[in-house]
Amino acid sequence: MKTKILLILGFLMSTIVLGAPKTRFSDQQIAAFVPKYFARDHHAPNISRIRIYSEDGKKVFHLEIDVNRNRFEGQMDYTVSAMASLAQYAKIPFDTFIVVMHPSLRDLDSELVEANATCSINYFVRKKMDYDKWMKNCTKITPV
């Protein structure tokens, strides 16, 4: 009897120490978290659209933001970082992050950033690579 209790306590303690699996959220929950995430930082760009969809068999996390010309690159990094932070908790993993950046000045073109989700999570969340490697291997920026 004492052996069974010790085994059960040992199992429970190992689960607590080693960590339980991460909580997983639906696509609707992830989309609902985005405005709350951005509201925490007053330097965050304004979000004009949030979409989660499937395209060519790949799951896409799509945000459109209004960017300030002075903080263009920083707002792109912030947005992809936010997407990586939230996407790591999705029930079904994302394949691609898409950010459409609409500048505040009309004479500048909008840009589309396409980033590999796993690679972006490895950079922003797990810190497994440096910025230059992430930009070169994981992202593609094109004018819209």
N, C-alpha and C. Protein backbone atom coordinates (compact mmCIF):
# COMPACT_ATOMS: atom_id res chain seq x y z
N MET A 1 0.82 -1.20 0.00
CA MET A 1 0.00 0.00 0.00
C MET A 1 0.86 1.26 0.00
N LYS A 2 1.88 1.27 0.89
CA LYS A 2 2.77 2.43 0.96
C LYS A 2 3.55 2.60 -0.36
N THR A 3 3.89 1.50 -0.99
CA THR A 3 4.61 1.55 -2.25
C THR A 3 3.75 2.18 -3.34
N LYS A 4 2.47 1.84 -3.39
CA LYS A 4 1.56 2.43 -4.38
C LYS A 4 1.45 3.94 -4.17
N ILE A 5 1.30 4.35 -2.93
CA ILE A 5 1.17 5.78 -2.62
C ILE A 5 2.44 6.51 -3.01
N LEU A 6 3.58 5.92 -2.70
CA LEU A 6 4.85 6.55 -3.07
C LEU A 6 5.01 6.64 -4.58
N LEU A 7 4.61 5.61 -5.30
CA LEU A 7 4.69 5.64 -6.76
C LEU A 7 3.78 6.72 -7.34
N ILE A 8 2.57 6.83 -6.81
CA ILE A 8 1.63 7.85 -7.29
C ILE A 8 2.16 9.24 -6.99
N LEU A 9 2.66 9.45 -5.77
CA LEU A 9 3.23 10.75 -5.41
C LEU A 9 4.45 11.07 -6.26
N GLY A 10 5.27 10.05 -6.51
CA GLY A 10 6.45 10.26 -7.37
C GLY A 10 6.05 10.65 -8.78
N PHE A 11 5.03 9.99 -9.31
CA PHE A 11 4.54 10.32 -10.66
C PHE A 11 4.00 11.75 -10.71
N LEU A 12 3.19 12.12 -9.73
CA LEU A 12 2.63 13.47 -9.68
C LEU A 12 3.73 14.53 -9.55
N MET A 13 4.70 14.27 -8.72
CA MET A 13 5.81 15.23 -8.53
C MET A 13 6.63 15.37 -9.81
N SER A 14 6.88 14.26 -10.50
CA SER A 14 7.64 14.33 -11.74
C SER A 14 6.87 15.10 -12.81
N THR A 15 5.55 14.95 -12.83
CA THR A 15 4.73 15.70 -13.78
C THR A 15 4.81 17.19 -13.49
N ILE A 16 4.77 17.56 -12.23
CA ILE A 16 4.85 18.97 -11.85
C ILE A 16 6.23 19.52 -12.17
N VAL A 17 7.28 18.78 -11.82
CA VAL A 17 8.65 19.25 -12.02
C VAL A 17 8.99 19.32 -13.51
N LEU A 18 8.64 18.30 -14.25
CA LEU A 18 8.99 18.26 -15.67
C LEU A 18 8.05 19.10 -16.52
N GLY A 19 6.94 19.47 -15.96
CA GLY A 19 6.02 20.34 -16.69
C GLY A 19 4.93 19.58 -17.40
N ALA A 20 3.77 20.11 -17.30
CA ALA A 20 2.63 19.55 -18.00
C ALA A 20 2.63 20.10 -19.42
N PRO A 21 1.91 19.46 -20.33
CA PRO A 21 1.86 19.99 -21.69
C PRO A 21 1.22 21.39 -21.72
N LYS A 22 1.64 22.18 -22.72
CA LYS A 22 1.09 23.53 -22.86
C LYS A 22 -0.40 23.48 -23.18
N THR A 23 -1.10 24.47 -22.69
CA THR A 23 -2.51 24.61 -23.04
C THR A 23 -2.59 24.95 -24.52
N ARG A 24 -3.55 24.38 -25.22
CA ARG A 24 -3.72 24.62 -26.65
C ARG A 24 -5.04 25.34 -26.88
N PHE A 25 -5.03 26.28 -27.83
CA PHE A 25 -6.20 27.10 -28.09
C PHE A 25 -6.67 26.95 -29.54
N SER A 26 -7.97 27.19 -29.76
CA SER A 26 -8.54 27.13 -31.10
C SER A 26 -8.13 28.37 -31.89
N ASP A 27 -8.37 28.33 -33.19
CA ASP A 27 -8.05 29.47 -34.06
C ASP A 27 -8.83 30.71 -33.64
N GLN A 28 -10.09 30.53 -33.26
CA GLN A 28 -10.91 31.67 -32.83
C GLN A 28 -10.35 32.29 -31.56
N GLN A 29 -9.87 31.47 -30.64
CA GLN A 29 -9.28 31.99 -29.42
C GLN A 29 -7.98 32.74 -29.71
N ILE A 30 -7.15 32.18 -30.58
CA ILE A 30 -5.89 32.85 -30.95
C ILE A 30 -6.20 34.21 -31.56
N ALA A 31 -7.17 34.27 -32.48
CA ALA A 31 -7.56 35.54 -33.11
C ALA A 31 -8.07 36.53 -32.07
N ALA A 32 -8.79 36.05 -31.08
CA ALA A 32 -9.31 36.94 -30.03
C ALA A 32 -8.20 37.47 -29.13
N PHE A 33 -7.10 36.73 -29.00
CA PHE A 33 -5.98 37.18 -28.16
C PHE A 33 -5.18 38.31 -28.80
N VAL A 34 -5.20 38.40 -30.14
CA VAL A 34 -4.36 39.36 -30.85
C VAL A 34 -4.59 40.81 -30.38
N PRO A 35 -5.82 41.34 -30.38
CA PRO A 35 -6.00 42.73 -29.93
C PRO A 35 -5.55 42.95 -28.48
N LYS A 36 -5.75 41.95 -27.64
CA LYS A 36 -5.32 42.08 -26.25
C LYS A 36 -3.80 42.12 -26.15
N TYR A 37 -3.14 41.32 -26.95
CA TYR A 37 -1.67 41.29 -26.97
C TYR A 37 -1.13 42.66 -27.41
N PHE A 38 -1.71 43.21 -28.47
CA PHE A 38 -1.25 44.49 -29.00
C PHE A 38 -1.59 45.65 -28.07
N ALA A 39 -2.67 45.53 -27.32
CA ALA A 39 -3.09 46.60 -26.40
C ALA A 39 -2.12 46.75 -25.23
N ARG A 40 -1.32 45.74 -24.95
CA ARG A 40 -0.37 45.81 -23.83
C ARG A 40 0.77 46.78 -24.09
N ASP A 41 1.08 47.06 -25.34
CA ASP A 41 2.23 47.90 -25.69
C ASP A 41 1.75 49.11 -26.48
N HIS A 42 2.01 50.31 -25.97
CA HIS A 42 1.53 51.51 -26.66
C HIS A 42 2.33 51.80 -27.93
N HIS A 43 3.43 51.10 -28.18
CA HIS A 43 4.19 51.26 -29.43
C HIS A 43 3.74 50.27 -30.50
N ALA A 44 2.81 49.40 -30.16
CA ALA A 44 2.34 48.39 -31.12
C ALA A 44 1.56 49.08 -32.24
N PRO A 45 1.66 48.55 -33.46
CA PRO A 45 0.90 49.13 -34.57
C PRO A 45 -0.59 48.85 -34.42
N ASN A 46 -1.39 49.64 -35.13
CA ASN A 46 -2.83 49.40 -35.16
C ASN A 46 -3.12 48.21 -36.06
N ILE A 47 -4.01 47.35 -35.62
CA ILE A 47 -4.39 46.18 -36.40
C ILE A 47 -5.64 46.55 -37.20
N SER A 48 -5.59 46.31 -38.51
CA SER A 48 -6.77 46.60 -39.32
C SER A 48 -7.50 45.33 -39.75
N ARG A 49 -6.82 44.17 -39.66
CA ARG A 49 -7.48 42.92 -40.05
C ARG A 49 -6.77 41.72 -39.43
N ILE A 50 -7.56 40.76 -38.98
CA ILE A 50 -7.05 39.51 -38.44
C ILE A 50 -7.75 38.37 -39.17
N ARG A 51 -6.96 37.47 -39.74
CA ARG A 51 -7.54 36.32 -40.44
C ARG A 51 -6.72 35.07 -40.13
N ILE A 52 -7.41 33.96 -39.99
CA ILE A 52 -6.77 32.66 -39.91
C ILE A 52 -7.50 31.78 -40.91
N TYR A 53 -6.74 31.20 -41.84
CA TYR A 53 -7.37 30.43 -42.91
C TYR A 53 -6.42 29.36 -43.43
N SER A 54 -6.96 28.51 -44.28
CA SER A 54 -6.17 27.47 -44.92
C SER A 54 -6.05 27.80 -46.40
N GLU A 55 -4.84 27.67 -46.93
CA GLU A 55 -4.61 27.94 -48.34
C GLU A 55 -3.59 26.94 -48.87
N ASP A 56 -3.97 26.22 -49.91
CA ASP A 56 -3.12 25.18 -50.49
C ASP A 56 -2.66 24.16 -49.46
N GLY A 57 -3.55 23.82 -48.55
CA GLY A 57 -3.23 22.83 -47.53
C GLY A 57 -2.35 23.33 -46.40
N LYS A 58 -2.11 24.62 -46.35
CA LYS A 58 -1.28 25.21 -45.30
C LYS A 58 -2.12 26.15 -44.45
N LYS A 59 -1.86 26.15 -43.17
CA LYS A 59 -2.59 27.01 -42.24
C LYS A 59 -1.87 28.35 -42.14
N VAL A 60 -2.63 29.44 -42.35
CA VAL A 60 -2.05 30.78 -42.44
C VAL A 60 -2.62 31.67 -41.33
N PHE A 61 -1.73 32.41 -40.68
CA PHE A 61 -2.07 33.43 -39.68
C PHE A 61 -1.77 34.76 -40.36
N HIS A 62 -2.79 35.57 -40.62
CA HIS A 62 -2.70 36.77 -41.45
C HIS A 62 -3.12 38.00 -40.63
N LEU A 63 -2.24 38.99 -40.55
CA LEU A 63 -2.57 40.26 -39.90
C LEU A 63 -2.27 41.40 -40.86
N GLU A 64 -3.13 42.41 -40.84
CA GLU A 64 -2.86 43.64 -41.57
C GLU A 64 -2.72 44.74 -40.54
N ILE A 65 -1.67 45.54 -40.70
CA ILE A 65 -1.38 46.59 -39.72
C ILE A 65 -1.16 47.92 -40.42
N ASP A 66 -1.41 49.01 -39.69
CA ASP A 66 -1.09 50.35 -40.15
C ASP A 66 0.25 50.72 -39.52
N VAL A 67 1.22 51.07 -40.36
CA VAL A 67 2.56 51.33 -39.83
C VAL A 67 2.95 52.80 -39.98
N ASN A 68 3.75 53.23 -39.05
CA ASN A 68 4.33 54.56 -39.05
C ASN A 68 5.64 54.48 -39.81
N ARG A 69 5.90 55.41 -40.68
CA ARG A 69 7.12 55.41 -41.50
C ARG A 69 8.38 55.35 -40.64
N ASN A 70 8.39 55.98 -39.50
CA ASN A 70 9.58 56.03 -38.65
C ASN A 70 9.86 54.71 -37.94
N ARG A 71 8.85 53.88 -37.77
CA ARG A 71 9.04 52.62 -37.04
C ARG A 71 8.66 51.42 -37.90
N PHE A 72 8.83 51.53 -39.19
CA PHE A 72 8.38 50.53 -40.15
C PHE A 72 8.91 49.13 -39.80
N GLU A 73 10.25 48.99 -39.74
CA GLU A 73 10.84 47.67 -39.51
C GLU A 73 10.54 47.17 -38.09
N GLY A 74 10.59 48.03 -37.12
CA GLY A 74 10.29 47.63 -35.74
C GLY A 74 8.87 47.13 -35.59
N GLN A 75 7.94 47.74 -36.29
CA GLN A 75 6.54 47.31 -36.20
C GLN A 75 6.33 45.97 -36.91
N MET A 76 7.07 45.72 -37.97
CA MET A 76 7.02 44.42 -38.63
C MET A 76 7.55 43.35 -37.67
N ASP A 77 8.70 43.60 -37.06
CA ASP A 77 9.29 42.64 -36.12
C ASP A 77 8.34 42.39 -34.95
N TYR A 78 7.74 43.45 -34.41
CA TYR A 78 6.83 43.31 -33.29
C TYR A 78 5.64 42.43 -33.67
N THR A 79 5.10 42.64 -34.86
CA THR A 79 3.92 41.89 -35.30
C THR A 79 4.24 40.42 -35.48
N VAL A 80 5.35 40.11 -36.14
CA VAL A 80 5.70 38.70 -36.35
C VAL A 80 6.05 38.06 -35.00
N SER A 81 6.69 38.80 -34.12
CA SER A 81 6.99 38.29 -32.78
C SER A 81 5.70 37.97 -32.01
N ALA A 82 4.71 38.84 -32.11
CA ALA A 82 3.42 38.61 -31.45
C ALA A 82 2.75 37.38 -32.04
N MET A 83 2.81 37.25 -33.35
CA MET A 83 2.20 36.08 -34.00
C MET A 83 2.89 34.80 -33.53
N ALA A 84 4.22 34.82 -33.44
CA ALA A 84 4.97 33.65 -32.99
C ALA A 84 4.63 33.31 -31.54
N SER A 85 4.53 34.33 -30.71
CA SER A 85 4.22 34.12 -29.29
C SER A 85 2.84 33.48 -29.12
N LEU A 86 1.88 33.94 -29.89
CA LEU A 86 0.52 33.41 -29.78
C LEU A 86 0.38 32.06 -30.49
N ALA A 87 1.02 31.92 -31.64
CA ALA A 87 0.85 30.72 -32.46
C ALA A 87 1.42 29.47 -31.81
N GLN A 88 2.37 29.62 -30.92
CA GLN A 88 2.95 28.43 -30.28
C GLN A 88 1.92 27.68 -29.44
N TYR A 89 0.79 28.33 -29.12
CA TYR A 89 -0.25 27.72 -28.31
C TYR A 89 -1.44 27.20 -29.13
N ALA A 90 -1.34 27.21 -30.44
CA ALA A 90 -2.44 26.77 -31.29
C ALA A 90 -2.59 25.25 -31.25
N LYS A 91 -3.84 24.78 -31.28
CA LYS A 91 -4.10 23.34 -31.30
C LYS A 91 -3.49 22.71 -32.55
N ILE A 92 -3.71 23.37 -33.68
CA ILE A 92 -3.14 22.91 -34.95
C ILE A 92 -2.09 23.95 -35.35
N PRO A 93 -0.83 23.54 -35.52
CA PRO A 93 0.24 24.51 -35.78
C PRO A 93 0.04 25.27 -37.10
N PHE A 94 0.52 26.50 -37.10
CA PHE A 94 0.50 27.33 -38.31
C PHE A 94 1.69 26.99 -39.18
N ASP A 95 1.51 27.17 -40.49
CA ASP A 95 2.60 26.97 -41.44
C ASP A 95 3.22 28.31 -41.84
N THR A 96 2.37 29.34 -41.99
CA THR A 96 2.83 30.62 -42.53
C THR A 96 2.22 31.78 -41.75
N PHE A 97 3.04 32.80 -41.55
CA PHE A 97 2.56 34.09 -41.02
C PHE A 97 2.60 35.08 -42.18
N ILE A 98 1.53 35.83 -42.34
CA ILE A 98 1.50 36.89 -43.35
C ILE A 98 1.15 38.20 -42.64
N VAL A 99 1.98 39.21 -42.90
CA VAL A 99 1.73 40.55 -42.37
C VAL A 99 1.67 41.50 -43.55
N VAL A 100 0.55 42.21 -43.69
CA VAL A 100 0.44 43.24 -44.72
C VAL A 100 0.57 44.57 -43.98
N MET A 101 1.59 45.33 -44.37
CA MET A 101 1.88 46.60 -43.71
C MET A 101 1.41 47.75 -44.59
N HIS A 102 0.44 48.51 -44.08
CA HIS A 102 -0.08 49.67 -44.80
C HIS A 102 0.53 50.93 -44.19
N PRO A 103 1.37 51.64 -44.95
CA PRO A 103 2.01 52.84 -44.40
C PRO A 103 1.02 53.99 -44.23
N SER A 104 1.34 54.88 -43.30
CA SER A 104 0.47 56.03 -43.04
C SER A 104 0.54 57.07 -44.16
N LEU A 105 1.63 57.08 -44.92
CA LEU A 105 1.76 58.01 -46.04
C LEU A 105 1.28 57.36 -47.33
N ARG A 106 0.46 58.08 -48.07
CA ARG A 106 -0.13 57.52 -49.28
C ARG A 106 0.86 57.29 -50.41
N ASP A 107 2.00 57.99 -50.42
CA ASP A 107 2.95 57.84 -51.51
C ASP A 107 3.84 56.60 -51.35
N LEU A 108 3.74 55.89 -50.24
CA LEU A 108 4.49 54.66 -50.04
C LEU A 108 3.59 53.45 -50.31
N ASP A 109 4.18 52.40 -50.89
CA ASP A 109 3.42 51.18 -51.19
C ASP A 109 3.30 50.32 -49.94
N SER A 110 2.22 49.56 -49.89
CA SER A 110 2.06 48.56 -48.83
C SER A 110 3.04 47.43 -49.12
N GLU A 111 3.44 46.74 -48.07
CA GLU A 111 4.34 45.60 -48.22
C GLU A 111 3.74 44.38 -47.56
N LEU A 112 4.04 43.22 -48.14
CA LEU A 112 3.59 41.95 -47.62
C LEU A 112 4.79 41.18 -47.10
N VAL A 113 4.73 40.77 -45.86
CA VAL A 113 5.79 39.95 -45.26
C VAL A 113 5.23 38.54 -45.11
N GLU A 114 5.91 37.58 -45.68
CA GLU A 114 5.54 36.18 -45.53
C GLU A 114 6.66 35.49 -44.76
N ALA A 115 6.32 34.90 -43.62
CA ALA A 115 7.33 34.26 -42.78
C ALA A 115 6.92 32.83 -42.46
N ASN A 116 7.89 31.96 -42.46
CA ASN A 116 7.66 30.57 -42.07
C ASN A 116 7.37 30.57 -40.56
N ALA A 117 6.27 29.95 -40.16
CA ALA A 117 5.84 29.99 -38.76
C ALA A 117 6.81 29.28 -37.83
N THR A 118 7.21 28.08 -38.17
CA THR A 118 8.11 27.32 -37.30
C THR A 118 9.43 28.04 -37.14
N CYS A 119 9.95 28.54 -38.22
CA CYS A 119 11.22 29.26 -38.20
C CYS A 119 11.09 30.54 -37.36
N SER A 120 9.98 31.24 -37.48
CA SER A 120 9.76 32.47 -36.71
C SER A 120 9.61 32.17 -35.22
N ILE A 121 8.94 31.10 -34.88
CA ILE A 121 8.83 30.70 -33.47
C ILE A 121 10.21 30.34 -32.93
N ASN A 122 11.02 29.66 -33.74
CA ASN A 122 12.39 29.35 -33.31
C ASN A 122 13.22 30.60 -33.07
N TYR A 123 13.01 31.64 -33.85
CA TYR A 123 13.75 32.89 -33.64
C TYR A 123 13.19 33.70 -32.47
N PHE A 124 11.91 34.02 -32.50
CA PHE A 124 11.34 34.94 -31.52
C PHE A 124 11.09 34.30 -30.15
N VAL A 125 10.70 33.05 -30.11
CA VAL A 125 10.32 32.42 -28.83
C VAL A 125 11.47 31.59 -28.27
N ARG A 126 12.03 30.73 -29.09
CA ARG A 126 13.05 29.80 -28.60
C ARG A 126 14.47 30.34 -28.70
N LYS A 127 14.65 31.47 -29.40
CA LYS A 127 15.96 32.13 -29.54
C LYS A 127 17.03 31.19 -30.10
N LYS A 128 16.66 30.44 -31.15
CA LYS A 128 17.57 29.46 -31.74
C LYS A 128 18.39 29.98 -32.91
N MET A 129 18.18 31.24 -33.31
CA MET A 129 18.96 31.79 -34.42
C MET A 129 19.05 33.30 -34.25
N ASP A 130 19.88 33.94 -35.07
CA ASP A 130 19.99 35.39 -34.98
C ASP A 130 19.09 36.06 -36.03
N TYR A 131 18.97 37.38 -35.90
CA TYR A 131 18.04 38.16 -36.73
C TYR A 131 18.36 38.03 -38.22
N ASP A 132 19.64 38.15 -38.59
CA ASP A 132 20.01 38.10 -40.01
C ASP A 132 19.65 36.75 -40.63
N LYS A 133 19.89 35.68 -39.89
CA LYS A 133 19.55 34.35 -40.40
C LYS A 133 18.03 34.21 -40.55
N TRP A 134 17.27 34.74 -39.59
CA TRP A 134 15.81 34.69 -39.68
C TRP A 134 15.32 35.46 -40.91
N MET A 135 15.84 36.68 -41.10
CA MET A 135 15.41 37.50 -42.24
C MET A 135 15.76 36.81 -43.57
N LYS A 136 16.93 36.23 -43.65
CA LYS A 136 17.39 35.62 -44.90
C LYS A 136 16.68 34.31 -45.21
N ASN A 137 16.51 33.45 -44.21
CA ASN A 137 16.01 32.10 -44.46
C ASN A 137 14.52 31.92 -44.22
N CYS A 138 13.89 32.82 -43.49
CA CYS A 138 12.53 32.57 -43.05
C CYS A 138 11.50 33.56 -43.59
N THR A 139 11.93 34.67 -44.14
CA THR A 139 10.98 35.70 -44.55
C THR A 139 11.14 36.07 -46.02
N LYS A 140 10.06 36.59 -46.55
CA LYS A 140 10.06 37.13 -47.91
C LYS A 140 9.21 38.40 -47.85
N ILE A 141 9.77 39.52 -48.29
CA ILE A 141 9.05 40.80 -48.27
C ILE A 141 8.85 41.24 -49.71
N THR A 142 7.57 41.52 -50.04
CA THR A 142 7.25 41.98 -51.40
C THR A 142 6.29 43.16 -51.33
N PRO A 143 6.39 44.09 -52.29
CA PRO A 143 5.42 45.18 -52.35
C PRO A 143 4.05 44.66 -52.79
N VAL A 144 3.02 45.31 -52.31
CA VAL A 144 1.66 44.89 -52.67
C VAL A 144 1.10 45.88 -53.67
